[in-house]
Amino acid sequence: MIAKQKQTILIVDDEKSNIDLLINLLKTDYDTIVAKSGKQALKLVASKNPPDVILLDIIMPEMDGYEVCRQLKSNPATEDIPVIFITAMCDDHDEFKGLELGAADYITKPVRPAIVRARVKNHIQRYMAIKELERLNKLAFDANPSTGLPGNNSISDAITDALDNKKDVCVIHADLDHFKAFNDKYGFARGDDVIRFTSQLFKQILIKVKSDTAFIGHIGGDDFVIITPSSICQDIANMIIQRFDYGICQFYDKDDILQKGIASTNRAGEKEFFPIMSISLSGVDLSKRQFTKYIQVNDVCTDVKKIAKSTPGSCFFMDRRKE
């Protein structure tokens, strides 16, 4: 399992002794980054990996802490990041001004280590809880109504995040073979049962392999996307195929199981025999190729999917091209 990433604290101060003190207080539990000016702080916060809490001095040259806080709170992209003033300015008016600007807390120097750690911990926990709630609300809004899995927007975001952060992951597109023929004979209610069975199968397998970075999305119908660490994507694909082939027969009547398929009508309106459903998996390993956009990954998945769909039975095809 991948170790849980520490939260990041930005320390903004122009005095080395103050910076060293705060780093020593917090480095065991958090990652710390430092800015020695207001302008540098604003630049760091605007990066791809903004901090989770900002410890901000007030008295600094060029741009004081009040102005830094004002700019952070007036920017929708940074307004929710907790700002804790740590300053020698101990007058009530100073504290009122800082809190009125939107700071989450105000600590006066000389600092008391236990108080600093406790307050940072509280604001980190509150901020992470809010972020998690926002994430869950976003997923719920985007969720597929049949399976409850994240939908197209979340899939795009997950792949884009993997590309931006250069994660060693594999994107697997999963598609059921002969699902339409099954729906035509057994009806949409039983077809929905198959879709839910498939989504549960994916969840159970990813729980079994204990991957914290895995993701399952439901594009719609019988199309799914799974994102897994590259090192275990083949093992996951093998388990999916094995469990799907074993479990899918429960949805067919006995006669169709005996004849290993059903007679139905194809898209041209002609009678055709369709085998028991299988699952086609097409994979793209993001660690092997240089993609920059989600649509590029999607296009390669689509190409590989054509090969998988043309192969009888359940199968997994991985894109092996370098570029």
C-alpha atoms as a PDB file:
ATOM      1  CA  MET A   1       0.000   0.000   0.000  1.00  0.00           C
ATOM      2  CA  ILE A   2       1.110   3.551  -0.724  1.00  0.00           C
ATOM      3  CA  ALA A   3       1.832   5.629   2.392  1.00  0.00           C
ATOM      4  CA  LYS A   4      -0.657   8.356   3.127  1.00  0.00           C
ATOM      5  CA  GLN A   5       0.654  11.746   2.041  1.00  0.00           C
ATOM      6  CA  LYS A   6       1.252  14.341   4.742  1.00  0.00           C
ATOM      7  CA  GLN A   7      -0.589  17.655   4.665  1.00  0.00           C
ATOM      8  CA  THR A   8       1.485  20.680   3.708  1.00  0.00           C
ATOM      9  CA  ILE A   9       1.971  23.802   5.800  1.00  0.00           C
ATOM     10  CA  LEU A  10       3.300  27.039   4.304  1.00  0.00           C
ATOM     11  CA  ILE A  11       5.339  29.138   6.751  1.00  0.00           C
ATOM     12  CA  VAL A  12       5.555  32.805   5.743  1.00  0.00           C
ATOM     13  CA  ASP A  13       8.119  34.808   7.718  1.00  0.00           C
ATOM     14  CA  ASP A  14      11.228  36.865   6.959  1.00  0.00           C
ATOM     15  CA  GLU A  15      13.071  35.872  10.149  1.00  0.00           C
ATOM     16  CA  LYS A  16      15.124  32.664   9.965  1.00  0.00           C
ATOM     17  CA  SER A  17      14.835  31.962  13.703  1.00  0.00           C
ATOM     18  CA  ASN A  18      11.022  32.037  13.524  1.00  0.00           C
ATOM     19  CA  ILE A  19      11.018  29.778  10.455  1.00  0.00           C
ATOM     20  CA  ASP A  20      13.366  27.249  12.084  1.00  0.00           C
ATOM     21  CA  LEU A  21      11.262  27.176  15.249  1.00  0.00           C
ATOM     22  CA  LEU A  22       8.029  26.433  13.367  1.00  0.00           C
ATOM     23  CA  ILE A  23       9.636  23.832  11.115  1.00  0.00           C
ATOM     24  CA  ASN A  24      11.001  21.955  14.131  1.00  0.00           C
ATOM     25  CA  LEU A  25       7.577  22.072  15.800  1.00  0.00           C
ATOM     26  CA  LEU A  26       5.702  20.691  12.806  1.00  0.00           C
ATOM     27  CA  LYS A  27       8.055  18.638  10.609  1.00  0.00           C
ATOM     28  CA  THR A  28       7.222  15.313  12.287  1.00  0.00           C
ATOM     29  CA  ASP A  29       3.533  15.462  11.365  1.00  0.00           C
ATOM     30  CA  TYR A  30       3.476  17.674   8.265  1.00  0.00           C
ATOM     31  CA  ASP A  31       5.434  18.666   5.179  1.00  0.00           C
ATOM     32  CA  THR A  32       6.582  22.265   5.494  1.00  0.00           C
ATOM     33  CA  ILE A  33       7.426  24.807   2.815  1.00  0.00           C
ATOM     34  CA  VAL A  34       8.727  28.330   3.385  1.00  0.00           C
ATOM     35  CA  ALA A  35       8.213  31.772   1.876  1.00  0.00           C
ATOM     36  CA  LYS A  36      10.289  34.703   3.088  1.00  0.00           C
ATOM     37  CA  SER A  37       8.070  37.381   1.532  1.00  0.00           C
ATOM     38  CA  GLY A  38       4.431  38.006   0.770  1.00  0.00           C
ATOM     39  CA  LYS A  39       4.961  37.847  -2.991  1.00  0.00           C
ATOM     40  CA  GLN A  40       6.752  34.510  -2.718  1.00  0.00           C
ATOM     41  CA  ALA A  41       3.931  33.192  -0.541  1.00  0.00           C
ATOM     42  CA  LEU A  42       1.250  34.137  -3.079  1.00  0.00           C
ATOM     43  CA  LYS A  43       3.256  32.448  -5.826  1.00  0.00           C
ATOM     44  CA  LEU A  44       3.568  29.202  -3.850  1.00  0.00           C
ATOM     45  CA  VAL A  45      -0.133  29.163  -2.994  1.00  0.00           C
ATOM     46  CA  ALA A  46      -1.007  29.593  -6.680  1.00  0.00           C
ATOM     47  CA  SER A  47       1.002  26.467  -7.651  1.00  0.00           C
ATOM     48  CA  LYS A  48      -0.489  23.098  -8.629  1.00  0.00           C
ATOM     49  CA  ASN A  49       0.011  21.854  -5.059  1.00  0.00           C
ATOM     50  CA  PRO A  50      -1.222  24.587  -2.705  1.00  0.00           C
ATOM     51  CA  PRO A  51      -0.688  24.225   1.063  1.00  0.00           C
ATOM     52  CA  ASP A  52      -3.366  22.998   3.445  1.00  0.00           C
ATOM     53  CA  VAL A  53      -2.668  25.659   6.076  1.00  0.00           C
ATOM     54  CA  ILE A  54      -0.715  28.942   5.983  1.00  0.00           C
ATOM     55  CA  LEU A  55       1.175  30.283   9.021  1.00  0.00           C
ATOM     56  CA  LEU A  56       1.572  33.971   8.280  1.00  0.00           C
ATOM     57  CA  ASP A  57       3.639  36.686   9.945  1.00  0.00           C
ATOM     58  CA  ILE A  58       2.319  40.246   9.746  1.00  0.00           C
ATOM     59  CA  ILE A  59       5.429  42.404   9.872  1.00  0.00           C
ATOM     60  CA  MET A  60       7.305  41.834   6.599  1.00  0.00           C
ATOM     61  CA  PRO A  61       8.954  44.190   4.087  1.00  0.00           C
ATOM     62  CA  GLU A  62       7.236  45.217   0.826  1.00  0.00           C
ATOM     63  CA  MET A  63       3.955  43.376   1.522  1.00  0.00           C
ATOM     64  CA  ASP A  64       2.725  42.786   5.075  1.00  0.00           C
ATOM     65  CA  GLY A  65       0.737  39.775   6.240  1.00  0.00           C
ATOM     66  CA  TYR A  66      -2.562  41.651   6.215  1.00  0.00           C
ATOM     67  CA  GLU A  67      -2.227  42.326   2.487  1.00  0.00           C
ATOM     68  CA  VAL A  68      -1.231  38.720   1.803  1.00  0.00           C
ATOM     69  CA  CYS A  69      -4.320  37.521   3.666  1.00  0.00           C
ATOM     70  CA  ARG A  70      -6.551  40.009   1.868  1.00  0.00           C
ATOM     71  CA  GLN A  71      -5.354  38.789  -1.529  1.00  0.00           C
ATOM     72  CA  LEU A  72      -5.742  35.136  -0.554  1.00  0.00           C
ATOM     73  CA  LYS A  73      -9.291  35.648   0.669  1.00  0.00           C
ATOM     74  CA  SER A  74     -10.316  37.657  -2.402  1.00  0.00           C
ATOM     75  CA  ASN A  75      -9.240  34.842  -4.744  1.00  0.00           C
ATOM     76  CA  PRO A  76     -11.854  32.041  -5.143  1.00  0.00           C
ATOM     77  CA  ALA A  77      -9.046  29.526  -5.734  1.00  0.00           C
ATOM     78  CA  THR A  78      -7.384  30.228  -2.362  1.00  0.00           C
ATOM     79  CA  GLU A  79     -10.077  31.725  -0.138  1.00  0.00           C
ATOM     80  CA  ASP A  80     -10.799  28.460   1.714  1.00  0.00           C
ATOM     81  CA  ILE A  81      -7.200  27.735   2.764  1.00  0.00           C
ATOM     82  CA  PRO A  82      -6.938  28.412   6.526  1.00  0.00           C
ATOM     83  CA  VAL A  83      -4.645  31.300   7.413  1.00  0.00           C
ATOM     84  CA  ILE A  84      -3.213  31.457  10.937  1.00  0.00           C
ATOM     85  CA  PHE A  85      -1.452  34.685  11.847  1.00  0.00           C
ATOM     86  CA  ILE A  86       1.650  34.125  14.011  1.00  0.00           C
ATOM     87  CA  THR A  87       2.906  37.552  15.011  1.00  0.00           C
ATOM     88  CA  ALA A  88       4.430  39.737  17.696  1.00  0.00           C
ATOM     89  CA  MET A  89       1.562  42.229  17.237  1.00  0.00           C
ATOM     90  CA  CYS A  90      -0.552  41.496  20.317  1.00  0.00           C
ATOM     91  CA  ASP A  91      -2.925  44.461  20.450  1.00  0.00           C
ATOM     92  CA  ASP A  92      -6.660  43.630  20.325  1.00  0.00           C
ATOM     93  CA  HIS A  93      -7.078  45.897  17.310  1.00  0.00           C
ATOM     94  CA  ASP A  94      -4.405  43.946  15.404  1.00  0.00           C
ATOM     95  CA  GLU A  95      -6.075  40.630  16.170  1.00  0.00           C
ATOM     96  CA  PHE A  96      -9.511  42.014  15.218  1.00  0.00           C
ATOM     97  CA  LYS A  97      -8.134  43.256  11.891  1.00  0.00           C
ATOM     98  CA  GLY A  98      -6.576  39.873  11.105  1.00  0.00           C
ATOM     99  CA  LEU A  99      -9.730  37.916  11.888  1.00  0.00           C
ATOM    100  CA  GLU A 100     -11.885  40.428  10.040  1.00  0.00           C
ATOM    101  CA  LEU A 101      -9.778  39.825   6.911  1.00  0.00           C
ATOM    102  CA  GLY A 102     -10.752  36.140   7.088  1.00  0.00           C
ATOM    103  CA  ALA A 103      -7.941  34.528   9.071  1.00  0.00           C
ATOM    104  CA  ALA A 104      -8.910  31.306  10.840  1.00  0.00           C
ATOM    105  CA  ASP A 105      -6.807  32.025  13.930  1.00  0.00           C
ATOM    106  CA  TYR A 106      -4.393  34.493  15.525  1.00  0.00           C
ATOM    107  CA  ILE A 107      -1.403  33.408  17.645  1.00  0.00           C
ATOM    108  CA  THR A 108       0.945  35.872  19.323  1.00  0.00           C
ATOM    109  CA  LYS A 109       4.691  35.505  19.815  1.00  0.00           C
ATOM    110  CA  PRO A 110       6.527  34.156  21.666  1.00  0.00           C
ATOM    111  CA  VAL A 111       4.697  31.026  20.595  1.00  0.00           C
ATOM    112  CA  ARG A 112       3.795  28.176  22.906  1.00  0.00           C
ATOM    113  CA  PRO A 113       4.664  24.949  21.044  1.00  0.00           C
ATOM    114  CA  ALA A 114       1.753  22.863  22.342  1.00  0.00           C
ATOM    115  CA  ILE A 115      -0.744  25.588  21.429  1.00  0.00           C
ATOM    116  CA  VAL A 116       0.666  25.970  17.918  1.00  0.00           C
ATOM    117  CA  ARG A 117       0.534  22.209  17.279  1.00  0.00           C
ATOM    118  CA  ALA A 118      -3.003  21.904  18.652  1.00  0.00           C
ATOM    119  CA  ARG A 119      -4.403  24.812  16.660  1.00  0.00           C
ATOM    120  CA  VAL A 120      -2.698  23.727  13.441  1.00  0.00           C
ATOM    121  CA  LYS A 121      -4.056  20.206  13.913  1.00  0.00           C
ATOM    122  CA  ASN A 122      -7.597  21.497  14.494  1.00  0.00           C
ATOM    123  CA  HIS A 123      -7.585  23.716  11.407  1.00  0.00           C
ATOM    124  CA  ILE A 124      -6.033  20.969   9.266  1.00  0.00           C
ATOM    125  CA  GLN A 125      -8.736  18.511  10.342  1.00  0.00           C
ATOM    126  CA  ARG A 126     -11.513  21.023   9.692  1.00  0.00           C
ATOM    127  CA  TYR A 127     -10.117  21.957   6.276  1.00  0.00           C
ATOM    128  CA  MET A 128      -9.623  18.327   5.211  1.00  0.00           C
ATOM    129  CA  ALA A 129     -13.166  17.473   6.355  1.00  0.00           C
ATOM    130  CA  ILE A 130     -14.568  20.320   4.248  1.00  0.00           C
ATOM    131  CA  LYS A 131     -12.542  19.207   1.217  1.00  0.00           C
ATOM    132  CA  GLU A 132     -13.739  15.627   1.630  1.00  0.00           C
ATOM    133  CA  LEU A 133     -17.343  16.768   1.898  1.00  0.00           C
ATOM    134  CA  GLU A 134     -16.946  18.839  -1.268  1.00  0.00           C
ATOM    135  CA  ARG A 135     -15.422  15.824  -3.033  1.00  0.00           C
ATOM    136  CA  LEU A 136     -18.274  13.552  -1.960  1.00  0.00           C
ATOM    137  CA  ASN A 137     -20.882  16.120  -3.030  1.00  0.00           C
ATOM    138  CA  LYS A 138     -19.204  16.409  -6.411  1.00  0.00           C
ATOM    139  CA  LEU A 139     -19.139  12.633  -6.813  1.00  0.00           C
ATOM    140  CA  ALA A 140     -22.781  12.344  -5.759  1.00  0.00           C
ATOM    141  CA  PHE A 141     -23.805  14.972  -8.296  1.00  0.00           C
ATOM    142  CA  ASP A 142     -21.835  13.199 -11.034  1.00  0.00           C
ATOM    143  CA  ALA A 143     -22.655   9.643  -9.923  1.00  0.00           C
ATOM    144  CA  ASN A 144     -24.249   7.134 -12.256  1.00  0.00           C
ATOM    145  CA  PRO A 145     -27.812   6.493 -10.994  1.00  0.00           C
ATOM    146  CA  SER A 146     -27.582   2.737 -11.610  1.00  0.00           C
ATOM    147  CA  THR A 147     -24.352   1.943  -9.757  1.00  0.00           C
ATOM    148  CA  GLY A 148     -23.586   5.077  -7.731  1.00  0.00           C
ATOM    149  CA  LEU A 149     -20.101   5.107  -9.254  1.00  0.00           C
ATOM    150  CA  PRO A 150     -18.451   8.370 -10.370  1.00  0.00           C
ATOM    151  CA  GLY A 151     -19.516   9.456 -13.862  1.00  0.00           C
ATOM    152  CA  ASN A 152     -17.857  11.061 -16.871  1.00  0.00           C
ATOM    153  CA  ASN A 153     -16.739  14.318 -15.233  1.00  0.00           C
ATOM    154  CA  SER A 154     -15.094  12.473 -12.357  1.00  0.00           C
ATOM    155  CA  ILE A 155     -13.424  10.030 -14.754  1.00  0.00           C
ATOM    156  CA  SER A 156     -11.987  12.927 -16.743  1.00  0.00           C
ATOM    157  CA  ASP A 157     -10.782  14.618 -13.535  1.00  0.00           C
ATOM    158  CA  ALA A 158      -9.167  11.407 -12.242  1.00  0.00           C
ATOM    159  CA  ILE A 159      -7.237  10.774 -15.466  1.00  0.00           C
ATOM    160  CA  THR A 160      -6.239  14.440 -15.750  1.00  0.00           C
ATOM    161  CA  ASP A 161      -4.953  14.339 -12.163  1.00  0.00           C
ATOM    162  CA  ALA A 162      -2.926  11.204 -12.958  1.00  0.00           C
ATOM    163  CA  LEU A 163      -1.392  12.944 -15.980  1.00  0.00           C
ATOM    164  CA  ASP A 164      -0.657  16.204 -14.155  1.00  0.00           C
ATOM    165  CA  ASN A 165       1.024  14.400 -11.261  1.00  0.00           C
ATOM    166  CA  LYS A 166       2.805  11.835 -13.486  1.00  0.00           C
ATOM    167  CA  LYS A 167       1.342   8.880 -11.607  1.00  0.00           C
ATOM    168  CA  ASP A 168       2.404   5.362 -12.587  1.00  0.00           C
ATOM    169  CA  VAL A 169      -1.088   4.098 -13.246  1.00  0.00           C
ATOM    170  CA  CYS A 170      -2.935   2.102 -15.852  1.00  0.00           C
ATOM    171  CA  VAL A 171      -6.312   3.166 -17.259  1.00  0.00           C
ATOM    172  CA  ILE A 172      -8.503   0.161 -18.055  1.00  0.00           C
ATOM    173  CA  HIS A 173     -11.678   0.479 -20.101  1.00  0.00           C
ATOM    174  CA  ALA A 174     -14.180  -2.310 -19.445  1.00  0.00           C
ATOM    175  CA  ASP A 175     -17.041  -3.176 -21.802  1.00  0.00           C
ATOM    176  CA  LEU A 176     -19.484  -6.107 -21.767  1.00  0.00           C
ATOM    177  CA  ASP A 177     -19.835  -8.225 -24.892  1.00  0.00           C
ATOM    178  CA  HIS A 178     -23.337  -9.205 -26.118  1.00  0.00           C
ATOM    179  CA  PHE A 179     -25.048  -7.072 -23.478  1.00  0.00           C
ATOM    180  CA  LYS A 180     -27.634  -5.687 -25.920  1.00  0.00           C
ATOM    181  CA  ALA A 181     -28.750  -9.185 -26.935  1.00  0.00           C
ATOM    182  CA  PHE A 182     -29.125 -10.072 -23.247  1.00  0.00           C
ATOM    183  CA  ASN A 183     -31.236  -6.953 -22.632  1.00  0.00           C
ATOM    184  CA  ASP A 184     -33.401  -7.702 -25.662  1.00  0.00           C
ATOM    185  CA  LYS A 185     -34.303 -11.142 -24.313  1.00  0.00           C
ATOM    186  CA  TYR A 186     -34.359 -10.667 -20.532  1.00  0.00           C
ATOM    187  CA  GLY A 187     -35.336  -7.006 -20.243  1.00  0.00           C
ATOM    188  CA  PHE A 188     -33.701  -3.910 -18.779  1.00  0.00           C
ATOM    189  CA  ALA A 189     -34.362  -4.845 -15.145  1.00  0.00           C
ATOM    190  CA  ARG A 190     -32.190  -7.936 -15.386  1.00  0.00           C
ATOM    191  CA  GLY A 191     -29.718  -5.968 -17.485  1.00  0.00           C
ATOM    192  CA  ASP A 192     -29.406  -3.481 -14.609  1.00  0.00           C
ATOM    193  CA  ASP A 193     -28.722  -6.428 -12.283  1.00  0.00           C
ATOM    194  CA  VAL A 194     -25.797  -7.393 -14.525  1.00  0.00           C
ATOM    195  CA  ILE A 195     -24.452  -3.837 -14.445  1.00  0.00           C
ATOM    196  CA  ARG A 196     -24.643  -3.734 -10.651  1.00  0.00           C
ATOM    197  CA  PHE A 197     -23.017  -7.174 -10.424  1.00  0.00           C
ATOM    198  CA  THR A 198     -20.155  -5.920 -12.589  1.00  0.00           C
ATOM    199  CA  SER A 199     -19.635  -2.758 -10.530  1.00  0.00           C
ATOM    200  CA  GLN A 200     -19.638  -4.757  -7.277  1.00  0.00           C
ATOM    201  CA  LEU A 201     -17.149  -7.188  -8.766  1.00  0.00           C
ATOM    202  CA  PHE A 202     -14.779  -4.305  -9.523  1.00  0.00           C
ATOM    203  CA  LYS A 203     -15.141  -2.919  -5.993  1.00  0.00           C
ATOM    204  CA  GLN A 204     -14.494  -6.294  -4.359  1.00  0.00           C
ATOM    205  CA  ILE A 205     -11.358  -6.893  -6.397  1.00  0.00           C
ATOM    206  CA  LEU A 206      -9.892  -3.467  -5.623  1.00  0.00           C
ATOM    207  CA  ILE A 207     -10.607  -4.006  -1.923  1.00  0.00           C
ATOM    208  CA  LYS A 208      -8.838  -7.370  -2.158  1.00  0.00           C
ATOM    209  CA  VAL A 209      -5.675  -5.885  -3.694  1.00  0.00           C
ATOM    210  CA  LYS A 210      -5.715  -3.064  -1.101  1.00  0.00           C
ATOM    211  CA  SER A 211      -4.930  -0.239  -3.491  1.00  0.00           C
ATOM    212  CA  ASP A 212      -5.438   3.251  -2.031  1.00  0.00           C
ATOM    213  CA  THR A 213      -4.962   4.859  -5.444  1.00  0.00           C
ATOM    214  CA  ALA A 214      -7.472   2.768  -7.412  1.00  0.00           C
ATOM    215  CA  PHE A 215     -10.505   4.423  -9.001  1.00  0.00           C
ATOM    216  CA  ILE A 216     -13.681   3.022 -10.588  1.00  0.00           C
ATOM    217  CA  GLY A 217     -15.911   5.105 -12.846  1.00  0.00           C
ATOM    218  CA  HIS A 218     -19.083   4.299 -14.787  1.00  0.00           C
ATOM    219  CA  ILE A 219     -19.268   5.949 -18.195  1.00  0.00           C
ATOM    220  CA  GLY A 220     -22.796   4.636 -18.732  1.00  0.00           C
ATOM    221  CA  GLY A 221     -24.557   1.484 -19.880  1.00  0.00           C
ATOM    222  CA  ASP A 222     -22.043  -1.370 -19.818  1.00  0.00           C
ATOM    223  CA  ASP A 223     -18.933   0.837 -20.058  1.00  0.00           C
ATOM    224  CA  PHE A 224     -16.623   1.335 -17.069  1.00  0.00           C
ATOM    225  CA  VAL A 225     -13.193   2.830 -16.380  1.00  0.00           C
ATOM    226  CA  ILE A 226     -10.749   1.540 -13.770  1.00  0.00           C
ATOM    227  CA  ILE A 227      -7.518   3.299 -12.789  1.00  0.00           C
ATOM    228  CA  THR A 228      -4.986   1.094 -11.001  1.00  0.00           C
ATOM    229  CA  PRO A 229      -1.275   1.194 -10.165  1.00  0.00           C
ATOM    230  CA  SER A 230       0.664   0.002 -13.206  1.00  0.00           C
ATOM    231  CA  SER A 231       2.412  -2.688 -11.170  1.00  0.00           C
ATOM    232  CA  ILE A 232      -0.819  -4.611 -10.517  1.00  0.00           C
ATOM    233  CA  CYS A 233      -2.994  -3.817 -13.549  1.00  0.00           C
ATOM    234  CA  GLN A 234      -2.424  -7.232 -15.155  1.00  0.00           C
ATOM    235  CA  ASP A 235      -3.310  -9.039 -11.913  1.00  0.00           C
ATOM    236  CA  ILE A 236      -6.478  -6.963 -11.571  1.00  0.00           C
ATOM    237  CA  ALA A 237      -7.481  -7.653 -15.174  1.00  0.00           C
ATOM    238  CA  ASN A 238      -6.958 -11.390 -14.659  1.00  0.00           C
ATOM    239  CA  MET A 239      -9.149 -11.382 -11.527  1.00  0.00           C
ATOM    240  CA  ILE A 240     -11.881  -9.406 -13.280  1.00  0.00           C
ATOM    241  CA  ILE A 241     -12.022 -11.879 -16.157  1.00  0.00           C
ATOM    242  CA  GLN A 242     -11.977 -14.927 -13.880  1.00  0.00           C
ATOM    243  CA  ARG A 243     -14.711 -13.652 -11.559  1.00  0.00           C
ATOM    244  CA  PHE A 244     -16.879 -12.235 -14.323  1.00  0.00           C
ATOM    245  CA  ASP A 245     -16.853 -15.450 -16.335  1.00  0.00           C
ATOM    246  CA  TYR A 246     -17.685 -17.433 -13.202  1.00  0.00           C
ATOM    247  CA  GLY A 247     -20.504 -15.171 -12.014  1.00  0.00           C
ATOM    248  CA  ILE A 248     -22.282 -14.071 -15.186  1.00  0.00           C
ATOM    249  CA  CYS A 249     -24.110 -17.379 -15.738  1.00  0.00           C
ATOM    250  CA  GLN A 250     -26.347 -16.716 -12.723  1.00  0.00           C
ATOM    251  CA  PHE A 251     -28.286 -14.202 -14.823  1.00  0.00           C
ATOM    252  CA  TYR A 252     -29.184 -16.666 -17.611  1.00  0.00           C
ATOM    253  CA  ASP A 253     -31.953 -19.248 -17.722  1.00  0.00           C
ATOM    254  CA  LYS A 254     -30.911 -22.889 -17.586  1.00  0.00           C
ATOM    255  CA  ASP A 255     -31.633 -23.575 -21.271  1.00  0.00           C
ATOM    256  CA  ASP A 256     -29.419 -20.690 -22.388  1.00  0.00           C
ATOM    257  CA  ILE A 257     -26.612 -21.853 -20.124  1.00  0.00           C
ATOM    258  CA  LEU A 258     -26.796 -25.341 -21.640  1.00  0.00           C
ATOM    259  CA  GLN A 259     -26.590 -23.979 -25.175  1.00  0.00           C
ATOM    260  CA  LYS A 260     -23.962 -21.386 -24.059  1.00  0.00           C
ATOM    261  CA  GLY A 261     -25.838 -18.393 -25.409  1.00  0.00           C
ATOM    262  CA  ILE A 262     -29.106 -16.974 -26.690  1.00  0.00           C
ATOM    263  CA  ALA A 263     -30.776 -16.541 -30.050  1.00  0.00           C
ATOM    264  CA  SER A 264     -31.676 -12.917 -30.682  1.00  0.00           C
ATOM    265  CA  THR A 265     -31.847 -10.276 -33.389  1.00  0.00           C
ATOM    266  CA  ASN A 266     -28.759  -8.291 -34.377  1.00  0.00           C
ATOM    267  CA  ARG A 267     -28.620  -4.595 -35.298  1.00  0.00           C
ATOM    268  CA  ALA A 268     -29.439  -5.452 -38.929  1.00  0.00           C
ATOM    269  CA  GLY A 269     -32.647  -7.153 -37.845  1.00  0.00           C
ATOM    270  CA  GLU A 270     -31.331 -10.628 -38.587  1.00  0.00           C
ATOM    271  CA  LYS A 271     -31.499 -13.670 -36.322  1.00  0.00           C
ATOM    272  CA  GLU A 272     -28.171 -14.425 -34.698  1.00  0.00           C
ATOM    273  CA  PHE A 273     -26.771 -16.589 -31.915  1.00  0.00           C
ATOM    274  CA  PHE A 274     -25.039 -14.612 -29.158  1.00  0.00           C
ATOM    275  CA  PRO A 275     -22.689 -16.363 -26.703  1.00  0.00           C
ATOM    276  CA  ILE A 276     -22.883 -15.923 -22.941  1.00  0.00           C
ATOM    277  CA  MET A 277     -21.711 -12.422 -22.060  1.00  0.00           C
ATOM    278  CA  SER A 278     -17.983 -11.833 -21.688  1.00  0.00           C
ATOM    279  CA  ILE A 279     -15.956  -8.791 -20.685  1.00  0.00           C
ATOM    280  CA  SER A 280     -13.465  -6.920 -22.865  1.00  0.00           C
ATOM    281  CA  LEU A 281     -10.729  -4.942 -21.122  1.00  0.00           C
ATOM    282  CA  SER A 282      -8.449  -2.463 -22.897  1.00  0.00           C
ATOM    283  CA  GLY A 283      -5.558  -0.855 -21.044  1.00  0.00           C
ATOM    284  CA  VAL A 284      -3.266   2.155 -21.391  1.00  0.00           C
ATOM    285  CA  ASP A 285      -0.250   2.399 -19.071  1.00  0.00           C
ATOM    286  CA  LEU A 286       0.356   6.107 -18.422  1.00  0.00           C
ATOM    287  CA  SER A 287       3.885   5.360 -17.188  1.00  0.00           C
ATOM    288  CA  LYS A 288       4.904   4.081 -20.636  1.00  0.00           C
ATOM    289  CA  ARG A 289       3.777   6.981 -22.816  1.00  0.00           C
ATOM    290  CA  GLN A 290       3.795  10.759 -22.625  1.00  0.00           C
ATOM    291  CA  PHE A 291       0.187  11.938 -22.629  1.00  0.00           C
ATOM    292  CA  THR A 292      -0.791  15.519 -21.854  1.00  0.00           C
ATOM    293  CA  LYS A 293      -4.595  15.425 -22.134  1.00  0.00           C
ATOM    294  CA  TYR A 294      -7.428  13.147 -21.070  1.00  0.00           C
ATOM    295  CA  ILE A 295      -8.760  12.932 -24.632  1.00  0.00           C
ATOM    296  CA  GLN A 296      -5.466  11.390 -25.810  1.00  0.00           C
ATOM    297  CA  VAL A 297      -5.800   8.589 -23.267  1.00  0.00           C
ATOM    298  CA  ASN A 298      -9.420   8.085 -24.235  1.00  0.00           C
ATOM    299  CA  ASP A 299      -8.530   7.825 -27.934  1.00  0.00           C
ATOM    300  CA  VAL A 300      -5.912   5.136 -27.302  1.00  0.00           C
ATOM    301  CA  CYS A 301      -8.341   3.197 -25.079  1.00  0.00           C
ATOM    302  CA  THR A 302     -10.882   3.329 -27.902  1.00  0.00           C
ATOM    303  CA  ASP A 303      -8.344   1.940 -30.398  1.00  0.00           C
ATOM    304  CA  VAL A 304      -7.327  -0.918 -28.097  1.00  0.00           C
ATOM    305  CA  LYS A 305     -10.969  -1.612 -27.250  1.00  0.00           C
ATOM    306  CA  LYS A 306     -11.649  -2.433 -30.920  1.00  0.00           C
ATOM    307  CA  ILE A 307      -9.049  -5.211 -30.753  1.00  0.00           C
ATOM    308  CA  ALA A 308     -10.449  -6.563 -27.483  1.00  0.00           C
ATOM    309  CA  LYS A 309     -14.037  -6.506 -28.774  1.00  0.00           C
ATOM    310  CA  SER A 310     -13.058  -8.420 -31.920  1.00  0.00           C
ATOM    311  CA  THR A 311     -11.614 -11.257 -29.833  1.00  0.00           C
ATOM    312  CA  PRO A 312     -14.081 -13.981 -28.715  1.00  0.00           C
ATOM    313  CA  GLY A 313     -14.524 -14.378 -24.966  1.00  0.00           C
ATOM    314  CA  SER A 314     -13.257 -12.302 -22.067  1.00  0.00           C
ATOM    315  CA  CYS A 315      -9.838 -10.753 -22.668  1.00  0.00           C
ATOM    316  CA  PHE A 316      -7.431  -7.986 -21.710  1.00  0.00           C
ATOM    317  CA  PHE A 317      -5.425  -6.074 -24.305  1.00  0.00           C
ATOM    318  CA  MET A 318      -2.786  -3.551 -23.225  1.00  0.00           C
ATOM    319  CA  ASP A 319      -1.479  -0.801 -25.503  1.00  0.00           C
ATOM    320  CA  ARG A 320       2.219  -1.664 -25.985  1.00  0.00           C
ATOM    321  CA  ARG A 321       3.206   1.283 -28.157  1.00  0.00           C
ATOM    322  CA  LYS A 322       5.893   3.566 -26.762  1.00  0.00           C
ATOM    323  CA  GLU A 323       4.820   6.738 -28.591  1.00  0.00           C
END
